[in-house]
C-alpha cells in the first residue's frame, strides 16, 4: 500500500499546480488509508506536505506574474490567527472518545475524517458547477476578504487542510482575481497557513516520522512541477469539474468506510 501511496503523492502536487487547491483533500486520505497514519497526526503531516509543495508552486507562479501579494496578506493574516487558535486551544481539548450511539463508538479520529469527507462533498459541488467569468473588475473588499480568511483558517486548523478549494472561490469573488492569479495567490496563502500550523503542532509535541514526511513531500513537489508546467498548456477551469467528481467519489468513499467498514 505504501508504494501506491507514493504514487498517489504525485497527484497531490499535480492538483496544487493545476488548480491551486485539492492537495489536502488528497493528502489526509492518502496518509490515513495508504500509510496507516493516525487521522489526528495525518492533519499535521498534511500541513507540512501541502505547505512546502505550495511554497514551490507559489514561487513559480510569482515568476509567471500570477501572485497578488496584497490580497494574499489580507487573507492570510486573519487565517493564520484562527488556525493557530484552533490547533492550540480546540483540537487538543477534543476527547479521544466523544460518545456512543447504540454501541457505535464516535471517536475524535472518526469526527475528523467524517467532517473532512463532508467538506470534500461540499467542495466538489463548487468545482463541478459551472461559474460565469466576470466581465469587468470590481473594487476589492479587503474587510470581507479578511473575514473569509478567518473562517478558512478555522477549517485549516481543525482538518489540517490547506483550504485551496475554499480560498480560490474567495479570491475570485472578494478579490476579483482571474483564475490563473487566484491559483498563484492561493498557493502563497496555503504556504503561509500550512507551515505556521505545522510549526504550532511541533511546539505542541506532535510525533513525526520525518523520513516518511520528507519522502512524500519531495514526491509531491515533483508533482507540483509537473502540474505547473501543465497549467501553462491546459485551462485549469476545464479540469475543475473532472477533479470535482473525483473529490465527490472520495468523500463518499471515506464516509462509507468510516461508518460501514470499520
Protein backbone atom coordinates (compact mmCIF):
# COMPACT_ATOMS: atom_id res chain seq x y z
CA UNK A 1 0.00 0.00 0.00
CA UNK A 2 2.94 2.34 0.66
CA UNK A 3 4.05 2.18 -2.99
CA UNK A 4 0.52 3.11 -4.07
CA UNK A 5 0.71 5.95 -1.52
CA UNK A 6 3.96 7.26 -3.01
CA UNK A 7 2.43 7.15 -6.50
CA UNK A 8 -0.67 8.95 -5.23
CA UNK A 9 1.56 11.61 -3.66
CA UNK A 10 2.47 12.84 -7.14
CA UNK A 11 -1.22 13.65 -7.69
CA UNK A 12 -1.14 15.93 -4.61
CA UNK A 13 1.39 18.18 -6.31
CA UNK A 14 -0.22 17.99 -9.75
CA UNK A 15 -3.53 19.06 -8.23
CA UNK A 16 -1.96 22.04 -6.47
CA UNK A 17 -0.01 23.04 -9.57
CA UNK A 18 -3.02 22.88 -11.87
CA UNK A 19 -5.90 24.30 -9.83
CA UNK A 20 -4.22 25.79 -6.72
CA UNK A 21 -6.11 23.50 -4.35
CA UNK A 22 -7.17 19.96 -3.63
CA UNK A 23 -3.81 18.96 -2.15
CA UNK A 24 -5.10 18.49 1.38
CA UNK A 25 -8.25 16.77 0.12
CA UNK A 26 -5.96 14.06 -1.25
CA UNK A 27 -3.20 14.15 1.37
CA UNK A 28 -5.18 13.26 4.51
CA UNK A 29 -6.93 10.19 3.00
CA UNK A 30 -3.62 9.05 1.44
CA UNK A 31 -1.84 9.31 4.81
CA UNK A 32 -4.65 7.61 6.73
CA UNK A 33 -5.60 4.79 4.35
CA UNK A 34 -2.35 4.08 2.47
CA UNK A 35 0.29 4.90 5.11
CA UNK A 36 -1.84 3.92 8.15
CA UNK A 37 -1.17 7.20 9.99
CA UNK A 38 -3.49 8.26 12.80
CA UNK A 39 -6.00 10.84 11.43
CA UNK A 40 -5.05 13.48 14.00
CA UNK A 41 -1.34 13.14 13.16
CA UNK A 42 -2.22 12.98 9.46
CA UNK A 43 -3.59 16.53 9.69
CA UNK A 44 -0.16 17.68 10.94
CA UNK A 45 1.67 15.78 8.19
CA UNK A 46 -0.74 17.26 5.65
CA UNK A 47 0.05 20.81 6.77
CA UNK A 48 3.77 20.30 6.11
CA UNK A 49 3.40 18.39 2.82
CA UNK A 50 0.84 20.75 1.32
CA UNK A 51 2.56 23.87 2.72
CA UNK A 52 6.01 23.00 1.35
CA UNK A 53 4.63 21.94 -2.01
CA UNK A 54 2.54 25.13 -2.21
CA UNK A 55 5.66 27.21 -1.46
CA UNK A 56 7.38 25.81 -4.56
CA UNK A 57 4.27 26.40 -6.64
CA UNK A 58 3.80 29.95 -5.33
CA UNK A 59 7.34 30.87 -6.35
CA UNK A 60 6.84 29.51 -9.86
CA UNK A 61 3.54 31.39 -10.20
CA UNK A 62 5.25 34.54 -8.91
CA UNK A 63 7.73 34.25 -11.76
CA UNK A 64 4.75 33.94 -14.13
CA UNK A 65 3.13 37.08 -12.67
CA UNK A 66 0.21 35.19 -11.11
CA UNK A 67 0.75 36.18 -7.46
CA UNK A 68 -1.09 39.15 -5.87
CA UNK A 69 0.75 39.81 -2.60
CA UNK A 70 -1.64 42.40 -1.10
CA UNK A 71 -4.74 40.21 -1.45
CA UNK A 72 -2.76 37.22 -0.17
CA UNK A 73 -1.66 39.04 3.00
CA UNK A 74 -5.13 40.44 3.78
CA UNK A 75 -6.43 36.87 3.54
CA UNK A 76 -3.52 35.10 5.22
CA UNK A 77 -3.05 37.09 8.45
CA UNK A 78 -6.56 36.54 9.94
CA UNK A 79 -6.46 32.99 8.59
CA UNK A 80 -3.24 32.27 10.49
CA UNK A 81 -4.70 33.67 13.71
CA UNK A 82 -7.78 31.44 13.60
CA UNK A 83 -5.69 28.44 12.50
CA UNK A 84 -3.35 28.75 15.49
CA UNK A 85 -6.25 29.24 17.91
CA UNK A 86 -7.92 26.06 16.69
CA UNK A 87 -4.72 23.97 16.71
CA UNK A 88 -3.69 25.24 20.15
CA UNK A 89 -7.00 25.55 22.02
CA UNK A 90 -9.65 23.39 20.32
CA UNK A 91 -8.06 20.27 18.79
CA UNK A 92 -6.14 19.19 21.96
CA UNK A 93 -9.32 19.60 24.04
CA UNK A 94 -11.42 17.20 21.96
CA UNK A 95 -11.59 13.87 23.87
CA UNK A 96 -10.42 10.67 22.16
CA UNK A 97 -13.90 9.15 22.53
CA UNK A 98 -16.79 11.57 22.13
CA UNK A 99 -19.84 9.36 22.73
CA UNK A 100 -21.52 6.04 21.86
CA UNK A 101 -24.68 5.52 19.83
CA UNK A 102 -26.16 2.06 20.46
CA UNK A 103 -22.71 0.51 20.64
CA UNK A 104 -21.25 2.59 17.77
CA UNK A 105 -18.26 4.48 19.12
CA UNK A 106 -17.84 8.03 17.85
CA UNK A 107 -14.17 8.94 18.29
CA UNK A 108 -12.13 12.07 17.65
CA UNK A 109 -10.50 10.41 14.63
CA UNK A 110 -13.92 9.41 13.28
CA UNK A 111 -15.12 13.01 13.63
CA UNK A 112 -12.08 14.39 11.78
CA UNK A 113 -12.49 12.00 8.85
CA UNK A 114 -16.28 12.41 8.53
CA UNK A 115 -16.16 16.21 8.74
CA UNK A 116 -13.34 16.14 6.19
CA UNK A 117 -15.42 13.94 3.88
CA UNK A 118 -18.49 16.19 4.20
CA UNK A 119 -16.34 19.20 3.36
CA UNK A 120 -14.97 17.31 0.34
CA UNK A 121 -18.51 16.65 -0.89
CA UNK A 122 -19.47 20.30 -0.39
CA UNK A 123 -16.31 21.46 -2.16
CA UNK A 124 -16.91 19.08 -5.06
CA UNK A 125 -20.21 20.81 -5.80
CA UNK A 126 -18.47 24.16 -6.30
CA UNK A 127 -15.89 22.54 -8.57
CA UNK A 128 -18.44 20.63 -10.66
CA UNK A 129 -20.80 23.59 -11.01
CA UNK A 130 -20.02 25.94 -13.90
CA UNK A 131 -19.19 29.52 -12.90
CA UNK A 132 -19.53 32.61 -15.03
CA UNK A 133 -16.44 34.61 -15.88
CA UNK A 134 -16.55 38.21 -14.71
CA UNK A 135 -16.65 40.79 -17.46
CA UNK A 136 -15.17 43.72 -15.55
CA UNK A 137 -13.10 44.37 -12.47
CA UNK A 138 -14.70 45.36 -9.17
CA UNK A 139 -13.25 47.09 -6.13
CA UNK A 140 -11.60 44.59 -3.79
CA UNK A 141 -13.47 44.31 -0.48
CA UNK A 142 -10.49 43.70 1.80
CA UNK A 143 -12.52 43.57 5.03
CA UNK A 144 -14.75 40.80 3.65
CA UNK A 145 -11.67 39.07 2.25
CA UNK A 146 -10.10 39.12 5.74
CA UNK A 147 -13.31 37.75 7.30
CA UNK A 148 -13.40 34.88 4.81
CA UNK A 149 -9.72 34.26 5.57
CA UNK A 150 -10.52 33.93 9.28
CA UNK A 151 -13.23 31.34 8.54
CA UNK A 152 -10.95 29.34 6.22
CA UNK A 153 -8.32 29.33 8.98
CA UNK A 154 -10.80 27.56 11.27
CA UNK A 155 -11.22 24.79 8.69
CA UNK A 156 -7.48 24.60 8.07
CA UNK A 157 -6.76 24.30 11.79
CA UNK A 158 -9.27 21.56 12.53
CA UNK A 159 -8.80 19.40 9.44
CA UNK A 160 -5.17 20.05 8.54
CA UNK A 161 -6.44 21.23 5.17
CA UNK A 162 -4.66 23.83 3.10
CA UNK A 163 -8.09 25.14 2.11
CA UNK A 164 -7.34 25.86 -1.54
CA UNK A 165 -10.78 24.68 -2.60
CA UNK A 166 -12.21 27.38 -0.29
CA UNK A 167 -9.53 30.04 -0.89
CA UNK A 168 -9.84 30.14 -4.68
CA UNK A 169 -13.59 30.98 -4.77
CA UNK A 170 -12.95 33.63 -2.08
CA UNK A 171 -10.19 35.23 -4.17
CA UNK A 172 -12.34 35.17 -7.30
CA UNK A 173 -15.40 36.71 -5.63
CA UNK A 174 -13.87 39.01 -2.98
CA UNK A 175 -10.50 39.93 -4.53
CA UNK A 176 -11.79 39.90 -8.14
CA UNK A 177 -8.88 37.79 -9.38
CA UNK A 178 -8.98 35.79 -12.62
CA UNK A 179 -8.49 32.04 -12.29
CA UNK A 180 -4.75 31.96 -13.02
CA UNK A 181 -3.98 34.67 -10.43
CA UNK A 182 -6.34 33.06 -7.92
CA UNK A 183 -4.33 29.83 -8.26
CA UNK A 184 -0.95 31.52 -7.68
CA UNK A 185 -2.25 33.65 -4.79
CA UNK A 186 -3.99 30.64 -3.24
CA UNK A 187 -0.72 28.70 -3.19
CA UNK A 188 1.02 31.54 -1.33
CA UNK A 189 -1.77 31.66 1.29
CA UNK A 190 -1.71 27.86 1.66
CA UNK A 191 2.06 28.01 2.17
CA UNK A 192 1.75 30.57 4.99
CA UNK A 193 -1.20 28.88 6.72
CA UNK A 194 0.06 25.33 6.49
CA UNK A 195 3.66 25.80 7.63
CA UNK A 196 2.71 28.07 10.54
CA UNK A 197 0.10 25.50 11.55
CA UNK A 198 2.68 22.70 11.34
CA UNK A 199 5.15 24.73 13.43
CA UNK A 200 2.46 25.14 16.07
CA UNK A 201 1.91 21.37 16.11
CA UNK A 202 5.63 20.76 16.59
CA UNK A 203 5.62 23.15 19.56
CA UNK A 204 2.69 21.16 20.96
CA UNK A 205 4.78 17.97 20.72
CA UNK A 206 3.19 16.09 17.82
CA UNK A 207 5.26 13.00 16.94
CA UNK A 208 6.51 12.93 13.34
CA UNK A 209 8.20 10.31 11.16
CA UNK A 210 10.43 12.78 9.30
CA UNK A 211 11.80 10.25 6.82
CA UNK A 212 8.30 9.40 5.60
CA UNK A 213 7.18 13.04 5.76
CA UNK A 214 10.10 14.34 3.67
CA UNK A 215 9.80 11.49 1.16
CA UNK A 216 6.13 12.20 0.48
CA UNK A 217 6.85 15.95 0.34
CA UNK A 218 9.62 15.52 -2.25
CA UNK A 219 7.36 13.35 -4.42
CA UNK A 220 4.54 15.90 -4.12
CA UNK A 221 6.95 18.68 -5.18
CA UNK A 222 7.78 16.69 -8.33
CA UNK A 223 4.03 16.54 -8.97
CA UNK A 224 3.79 20.30 -8.37
CA UNK A 225 6.46 20.98 -11.01
CA UNK A 226 4.58 18.76 -13.46
CA UNK A 227 1.28 20.47 -12.62
CA UNK A 228 2.72 23.96 -13.03
CA UNK A 229 4.10 23.06 -16.45
CA UNK A 230 0.75 21.58 -17.46
CA UNK A 231 -1.06 24.71 -16.23
CA UNK A 232 0.71 26.71 -18.96
CA UNK A 233 -0.86 24.50 -21.62
CA UNK A 234 -4.18 23.41 -20.07
CA UNK A 235 -7.02 25.64 -18.92
CA UNK A 236 -7.31 24.90 -15.19
CA UNK A 237 -11.01 25.81 -15.23
CA UNK A 238 -11.71 22.88 -17.56
CA UNK A 239 -10.05 20.49 -15.14
CA UNK A 240 -12.10 21.64 -12.15
CA UNK A 241 -15.29 19.67 -12.99
CA UNK A 242 -13.36 16.41 -13.51
CA UNK A 243 -11.45 16.93 -10.27
CA UNK A 244 -14.74 17.79 -8.55
CA UNK A 245 -16.23 14.43 -9.48
CA UNK A 246 -13.09 12.69 -8.21
CA UNK A 247 -13.35 14.57 -4.90
CA UNK A 248 -17.05 13.68 -4.62
CA UNK A 249 -16.33 9.97 -5.06
CA UNK A 250 -13.51 10.10 -2.48
CA UNK A 251 -15.71 11.92 0.03
CA UNK A 252 -18.46 9.32 -0.32
CA UNK A 253 -15.87 6.53 -0.02
CA UNK A 254 -14.48 7.94 3.23
CA UNK A 255 -17.94 8.23 4.80
CA UNK A 256 -18.83 4.67 3.73
CA UNK A 257 -15.52 3.30 5.04
CA UNK A 258 -15.76 5.11 8.39
CA UNK A 259 -19.39 4.16 9.04
CA UNK A 260 -19.85 0.74 7.44
CA UNK A 261 -16.40 -0.86 7.04
CA UNK A 262 -14.55 -0.07 10.27
